Each structure stands twice: as structure tokens, then as C-alpha cells.
PDB file of all heavy atoms in Angstrom:
ATOM      1  N   PHE A   1     -49.013   4.455  48.080  1.00  0.00           N
ATOM      2  CA  PHE A   1     -49.887   3.823  49.080  1.00  0.00           C
ATOM      3  C   PHE A   1     -49.312   2.572  49.709  1.00  0.00           C
ATOM      4  O   PHE A   1     -49.950   2.028  50.561  1.00  0.00           O
ATOM      5  CB  PHE A   1     -51.249   3.534  48.432  1.00  0.00           C
ATOM      6  CG  PHE A   1     -52.169   4.714  48.276  1.00  0.00           C
ATOM      7  CD1 PHE A   1     -51.711   5.998  48.519  1.00  0.00           C
ATOM      8  CD2 PHE A   1     -53.479   4.537  47.893  1.00  0.00           C
ATOM      9  CE1 PHE A   1     -52.597   7.130  48.375  1.00  0.00           C
ATOM     10  CE2 PHE A   1     -54.376   5.658  47.763  1.00  0.00           C
ATOM     11  CZ  PHE A   1     -53.895   6.916  48.017  1.00  0.00           C
ATOM     12  N   GLY A   2     -48.201   2.120  49.150  1.00  0.00           N
ATOM     13  CA  GLY A   2     -47.612   0.888  49.701  1.00  0.00           C
ATOM     14  C   GLY A   2     -46.521   1.215  50.798  1.00  0.00           C
ATOM     15  O   GLY A   2     -46.733   0.996  51.959  1.00  0.00           O
ATOM     16  N   ARG A   3     -45.372   1.704  50.316  1.00  0.00           N
ATOM     17  CA  ARG A   3     -44.295   2.035  51.223  1.00  0.00           C
ATOM     18  C   ARG A   3     -43.971   3.524  51.155  1.00  0.00           C
ATOM     19  O   ARG A   3     -43.922   4.213  52.216  1.00  0.00           O
ATOM     20  CB  ARG A   3     -43.056   1.200  50.873  1.00  0.00           C
ATOM     21  CG  ARG A   3     -43.231  -0.275  51.118  1.00  0.00           C
ATOM     22  CD  ARG A   3     -41.972  -1.044  50.809  1.00  0.00           C
ATOM     23  NE  ARG A   3     -41.654  -1.059  49.326  1.00  0.00           N
ATOM     24  CZ  ARG A   3     -40.567  -1.521  48.869  1.00  0.00           C
ATOM     25  NH1 ARG A   3     -39.593  -2.026  49.674  1.00  0.00           N
ATOM     26  NH2 ARG A   3     -40.322  -1.552  47.512  1.00  0.00           N
ATOM     27  N   SER A   4     -43.781   4.072  50.005  1.00  0.00           N
ATOM     28  CA  SER A   4     -43.571   5.528  49.751  1.00  0.00           C
ATOM     29  C   SER A   4     -43.584   5.702  48.252  1.00  0.00           C
ATOM     30  O   SER A   4     -43.543   4.755  47.551  1.00  0.00           O
ATOM     31  CB  SER A   4     -42.242   5.993  50.381  1.00  0.00           C
ATOM     32  OG  SER A   4     -41.169   5.454  49.601  1.00  0.00           O
ATOM     33  N   LEU A   5     -43.639   6.986  47.806  1.00  0.00           N
ATOM     34  CA  LEU A   5     -43.664   7.254  46.381  1.00  0.00           C
ATOM     35  C   LEU A   5     -42.427   6.622  45.691  1.00  0.00           C
ATOM     36  O   LEU A   5     -42.595   6.036  44.635  1.00  0.00           O
ATOM     37  CB  LEU A   5     -43.694   8.742  46.200  1.00  0.00           C
ATOM     38  CG  LEU A   5     -45.041   9.409  46.418  1.00  0.00           C
ATOM     39  CD1 LEU A   5     -44.837  10.953  46.504  1.00  0.00           C
ATOM     40  CD2 LEU A   5     -46.052   9.073  45.381  1.00  0.00           C
ATOM     41  N   ASP A   6     -41.221   6.788  46.285  1.00  0.00           N
ATOM     42  CA  ASP A   6     -40.020   6.221  45.611  1.00  0.00           C
ATOM     43  C   ASP A   6     -39.943   4.747  45.795  1.00  0.00           C
ATOM     44  O   ASP A   6     -39.609   4.045  44.825  1.00  0.00           O
ATOM     45  CB  ASP A   6     -38.784   6.899  46.258  1.00  0.00           C
ATOM     46  CG  ASP A   6     -38.588   8.350  45.670  1.00  0.00           C
ATOM     47  OD1 ASP A   6     -39.001   8.577  44.486  1.00  0.00           O
ATOM     48  OD2 ASP A   6     -38.078   9.171  46.397  1.00  0.00           O
ATOM     49  N   GLU A   7     -40.164   4.257  47.014  1.00  0.00           N
ATOM     50  CA  GLU A   7     -40.085   2.772  47.220  1.00  0.00           C
ATOM     51  C   GLU A   7     -41.088   1.979  46.412  1.00  0.00           C
ATOM     52  O   GLU A   7     -40.790   0.858  45.974  1.00  0.00           O
ATOM     53  CB  GLU A   7     -40.222   2.423  48.673  1.00  0.00           C
ATOM     54  CG  GLU A   7     -39.102   2.912  49.550  1.00  0.00           C
ATOM     55  CD  GLU A   7     -39.363   2.681  51.028  1.00  0.00           C
ATOM     56  OE1 GLU A   7     -40.214   3.364  51.606  1.00  0.00           O
ATOM     57  OE2 GLU A   7     -38.761   1.708  51.626  1.00  0.00           O
ATOM     58  N   ASP A   8     -42.250   2.536  46.198  1.00  0.00           N
ATOM     59  CA  ASP A   8     -43.248   1.862  45.323  1.00  0.00           C
ATOM     60  C   ASP A   8     -42.854   1.741  43.863  1.00  0.00           C
ATOM     61  O   ASP A   8     -43.475   0.980  43.106  1.00  0.00           O
ATOM     62  CB  ASP A   8     -44.628   2.498  45.481  1.00  0.00           C
ATOM     63  CG  ASP A   8     -45.245   2.272  46.811  1.00  0.00           C
ATOM     64  OD1 ASP A   8     -44.769   1.416  47.587  1.00  0.00           O
ATOM     65  OD2 ASP A   8     -46.314   2.897  47.079  1.00  0.00           O
ATOM     66  N   ALA A   9     -41.919   2.603  43.468  1.00  0.00           N
ATOM     67  CA  ALA A   9     -41.453   2.560  42.059  1.00  0.00           C
ATOM     68  C   ALA A   9     -40.199   1.689  41.941  1.00  0.00           C
ATOM     69  O   ALA A   9     -39.497   1.763  40.924  1.00  0.00           O
ATOM     70  CB  ALA A   9     -41.129   3.996  41.603  1.00  0.00           C
ATOM     71  N   PHE A  10     -39.889   0.908  42.943  1.00  0.00           N
ATOM     72  CA  PHE A  10     -38.634   0.123  42.858  1.00  0.00           C
ATOM     73  C   PHE A  10     -38.554  -0.764  41.579  1.00  0.00           C
ATOM     74  O   PHE A  10     -37.526  -0.779  40.943  1.00  0.00           O
ATOM     75  CB  PHE A  10     -38.550  -0.836  44.091  1.00  0.00           C
ATOM     76  CG  PHE A  10     -37.376  -1.784  44.024  1.00  0.00           C
ATOM     77  CD1 PHE A  10     -36.149  -1.417  44.496  1.00  0.00           C
ATOM     78  CD2 PHE A  10     -37.502  -3.050  43.559  1.00  0.00           C
ATOM     79  CE1 PHE A  10     -35.044  -2.224  44.423  1.00  0.00           C
ATOM     80  CE2 PHE A  10     -36.418  -3.972  43.427  1.00  0.00           C
ATOM     81  CZ  PHE A  10     -35.195  -3.527  43.853  1.00  0.00           C
ATOM     82  N   ALA A  11     -39.641  -1.489  41.290  1.00  0.00           N
ATOM     83  CA  ALA A  11     -39.623  -2.409  40.157  1.00  0.00           C
ATOM     84  C   ALA A  11     -39.422  -1.612  38.853  1.00  0.00           C
ATOM     85  O   ALA A  11     -38.713  -2.070  37.937  1.00  0.00           O
ATOM     86  CB  ALA A  11     -40.949  -3.153  40.074  1.00  0.00           C
ATOM     87  N   VAL A  12     -40.012  -0.441  38.786  1.00  0.00           N
ATOM     88  CA  VAL A  12     -39.864   0.399  37.541  1.00  0.00           C
ATOM     89  C   VAL A  12     -38.390   0.742  37.351  1.00  0.00           C
ATOM     90  O   VAL A  12     -37.810   0.584  36.292  1.00  0.00           O
ATOM     91  CB  VAL A  12     -40.685   1.705  37.655  1.00  0.00           C
ATOM     92  CG1 VAL A  12     -40.514   2.600  36.477  1.00  0.00           C
ATOM     93  CG2 VAL A  12     -42.186   1.372  37.833  1.00  0.00           C
ATOM     94  N   ARG A  13     -37.780   1.207  38.410  1.00  0.00           N
ATOM     95  CA  ARG A  13     -36.369   1.685  38.318  1.00  0.00           C
ATOM     96  C   ARG A  13     -35.411   0.507  38.196  1.00  0.00           C
ATOM     97  O   ARG A  13     -34.353   0.663  37.496  1.00  0.00           O
ATOM     98  CB  ARG A  13     -36.032   2.575  39.516  1.00  0.00           C
ATOM     99  CG  ARG A  13     -36.980   3.814  39.497  1.00  0.00           C
ATOM    100  CD  ARG A  13     -36.954   4.639  40.723  1.00  0.00           C
ATOM    101  NE  ARG A  13     -38.068   5.634  40.705  1.00  0.00           N
ATOM    102  CZ  ARG A  13     -38.211   6.579  41.613  1.00  0.00           C
ATOM    103  NH1 ARG A  13     -37.431   6.637  42.676  1.00  0.00           N
ATOM    104  NH2 ARG A  13     -39.252   7.422  41.470  1.00  0.00           N
ATOM    105  N   ALA A  14     -35.773  -0.644  38.760  1.00  0.00           N
ATOM    106  CA  ALA A  14     -34.918  -1.817  38.563  1.00  0.00           C
ATOM    107  C   ALA A  14     -34.927  -2.334  37.152  1.00  0.00           C
ATOM    108  O   ALA A  14     -33.947  -2.788  36.660  1.00  0.00           O
ATOM    109  CB  ALA A  14     -35.364  -2.924  39.526  1.00  0.00           C
ATOM    110  N   MET A  15     -36.104  -2.177  36.489  1.00  0.00           N
ATOM    111  CA  MET A  15     -36.146  -2.625  35.121  1.00  0.00           C
ATOM    112  C   MET A  15     -35.354  -1.689  34.212  1.00  0.00           C
ATOM    113  O   MET A  15     -34.706  -2.122  33.261  1.00  0.00           O
ATOM    114  CB  MET A  15     -37.629  -2.656  34.642  1.00  0.00           C
ATOM    115  CG  MET A  15     -38.396  -3.852  35.214  1.00  0.00           C
ATOM    116  SD  MET A  15     -40.011  -4.029  34.440  1.00  0.00           S
ATOM    117  CE  MET A  15     -40.698  -5.413  35.364  1.00  0.00           C
ATOM    118  N   VAL A  16     -35.404  -0.414  34.572  1.00  0.00           N
ATOM    119  CA  VAL A  16     -34.567   0.552  33.806  1.00  0.00           C
ATOM    120  C   VAL A  16     -33.101   0.207  33.989  1.00  0.00           C
ATOM    121  O   VAL A  16     -32.332   0.148  33.032  1.00  0.00           O
ATOM    122  CB  VAL A  16     -34.852   1.917  34.342  1.00  0.00           C
ATOM    123  CG1 VAL A  16     -33.757   2.984  33.758  1.00  0.00           C
ATOM    124  CG2 VAL A  16     -36.222   2.459  33.900  1.00  0.00           C
ATOM    125  N   ASP A  17     -32.683  -0.074  35.236  1.00  0.00           N
ATOM    126  CA  ASP A  17     -31.290  -0.391  35.453  1.00  0.00           C
ATOM    127  C   ASP A  17     -30.840  -1.663  34.760  1.00  0.00           C
ATOM    128  O   ASP A  17     -29.686  -1.802  34.365  1.00  0.00           O
ATOM    129  CB  ASP A  17     -31.065  -0.573  36.999  1.00  0.00           C
ATOM    130  CG  ASP A  17     -31.175   0.746  37.795  1.00  0.00           C
ATOM    131  OD1 ASP A  17     -31.150   1.777  37.149  1.00  0.00           O
ATOM    132  OD2 ASP A  17     -31.393   0.638  38.981  1.00  0.00           O
ATOM    133  N   ALA A  18     -31.798  -2.591  34.566  1.00  0.00           N
ATOM    134  CA  ALA A  18     -31.462  -3.826  33.869  1.00  0.00           C
ATOM    135  C   ALA A  18     -31.446  -3.713  32.346  1.00  0.00           C
ATOM    136  O   ALA A  18     -31.119  -4.678  31.644  1.00  0.00           O
ATOM    137  CB  ALA A  18     -32.450  -4.959  34.326  1.00  0.00           C
ATOM    138  N   GLY A  19     -31.877  -2.568  31.877  1.00  0.00           N
ATOM    139  CA  GLY A  19     -31.894  -2.287  30.401  1.00  0.00           C
ATOM    140  C   GLY A  19     -33.089  -2.875  29.682  1.00  0.00           C
ATOM    141  O   GLY A  19     -33.052  -3.078  28.431  1.00  0.00           O
ATOM    142  N   LEU A  20     -34.207  -3.136  30.352  1.00  0.00           N
ATOM    143  CA  LEU A  20     -35.330  -3.693  29.679  1.00  0.00           C
ATOM    144  C   LEU A  20     -36.124  -2.606  28.855  1.00  0.00           C
ATOM    145  O   LEU A  20     -36.139  -1.426  29.262  1.00  0.00           O
ATOM    146  CB  LEU A  20     -36.392  -4.246  30.745  1.00  0.00           C
ATOM    147  CG  LEU A  20     -36.183  -5.754  31.071  1.00  0.00           C
ATOM    148  CD1 LEU A  20     -34.886  -5.996  31.795  1.00  0.00           C
ATOM    149  CD2 LEU A  20     -37.419  -6.245  31.863  1.00  0.00           C
ATOM    150  N   THR A  21     -36.771  -3.055  27.855  1.00  0.00           N
ATOM    151  CA  THR A  21     -37.742  -2.267  27.189  1.00  0.00           C
ATOM    152  C   THR A  21     -39.177  -2.616  27.799  1.00  0.00           C
ATOM    153  O   THR A  21     -39.458  -3.833  27.854  1.00  0.00           O
ATOM    154  CB  THR A  21     -37.783  -2.564  25.701  1.00  0.00           C
ATOM    155  OG1 THR A  21     -36.579  -2.065  25.127  1.00  0.00           O
ATOM    156  CG2 THR A  21     -38.947  -1.805  25.018  1.00  0.00           C
ATOM    157  N   PHE A  22     -39.967  -1.714  28.237  1.00  0.00           N
ATOM    158  CA  PHE A  22     -41.189  -2.023  28.837  1.00  0.00           C
ATOM    159  C   PHE A  22     -42.178  -0.833  28.809  1.00  0.00           C
ATOM    160  O   PHE A  22     -41.767   0.310  28.477  1.00  0.00           O
ATOM    161  CB  PHE A  22     -41.025  -2.475  30.270  1.00  0.00           C
ATOM    162  CG  PHE A  22     -40.455  -1.450  31.244  1.00  0.00           C
ATOM    163  CD1 PHE A  22     -41.247  -0.677  32.048  1.00  0.00           C
ATOM    164  CD2 PHE A  22     -39.083  -1.266  31.340  1.00  0.00           C
ATOM    165  CE1 PHE A  22     -40.777   0.284  32.894  1.00  0.00           C
ATOM    166  CE2 PHE A  22     -38.493  -0.369  32.218  1.00  0.00           C
ATOM    167  CZ  PHE A  22     -39.337   0.468  33.050  1.00  0.00           C
ATOM    168  N   LEU A  23     -43.409  -1.096  29.129  1.00  0.00           N
ATOM    169  CA  LEU A  23     -44.427  -0.082  29.165  1.00  0.00           C
ATOM    170  C   LEU A  23     -44.863   0.126  30.628  1.00  0.00           C
ATOM    171  O   LEU A  23     -44.870  -0.805  31.410  1.00  0.00           O
ATOM    172  CB  LEU A  23     -45.672  -0.509  28.319  1.00  0.00           C
ATOM    173  CG  LEU A  23     -45.556  -0.404  26.810  1.00  0.00           C
ATOM    174  CD1 LEU A  23     -44.840  -1.668  26.318  1.00  0.00           C
ATOM    175  CD2 LEU A  23     -46.923  -0.333  26.125  1.00  0.00           C
ATOM    176  N   LEU A  24     -45.245   1.400  30.927  1.00  0.00           N
ATOM    177  CA  LEU A  24     -45.730   1.691  32.274  1.00  0.00           C
ATOM    178  C   LEU A  24     -46.938   2.633  32.203  1.00  0.00           C
ATOM    179  O   LEU A  24     -46.887   3.699  31.657  1.00  0.00           O
ATOM    180  CB  LEU A  24     -44.592   2.407  33.051  1.00  0.00           C
ATOM    181  CG  LEU A  24     -44.983   3.087  34.402  1.00  0.00           C
ATOM    182  CD1 LEU A  24     -45.429   2.030  35.394  1.00  0.00           C
ATOM    183  CD2 LEU A  24     -43.862   3.884  34.941  1.00  0.00           C
TER     184      LEU A  24
END
């Protein structure tokens, strides 16, 4: 609902790339 399905998940995928442990 923001930019697109993939673009709205930018933060999720950036955290994965950075090697963080997190909940979603």
C-alpha cells in the first residue's frame, strides 16, 4: 500500500542483508 509489494519490504530485506536477528 506504500510503494509496491517489494519496495515496502525494503527494511525487512536490508536487515537480512545486515545479518540482524529480528522478528516480523
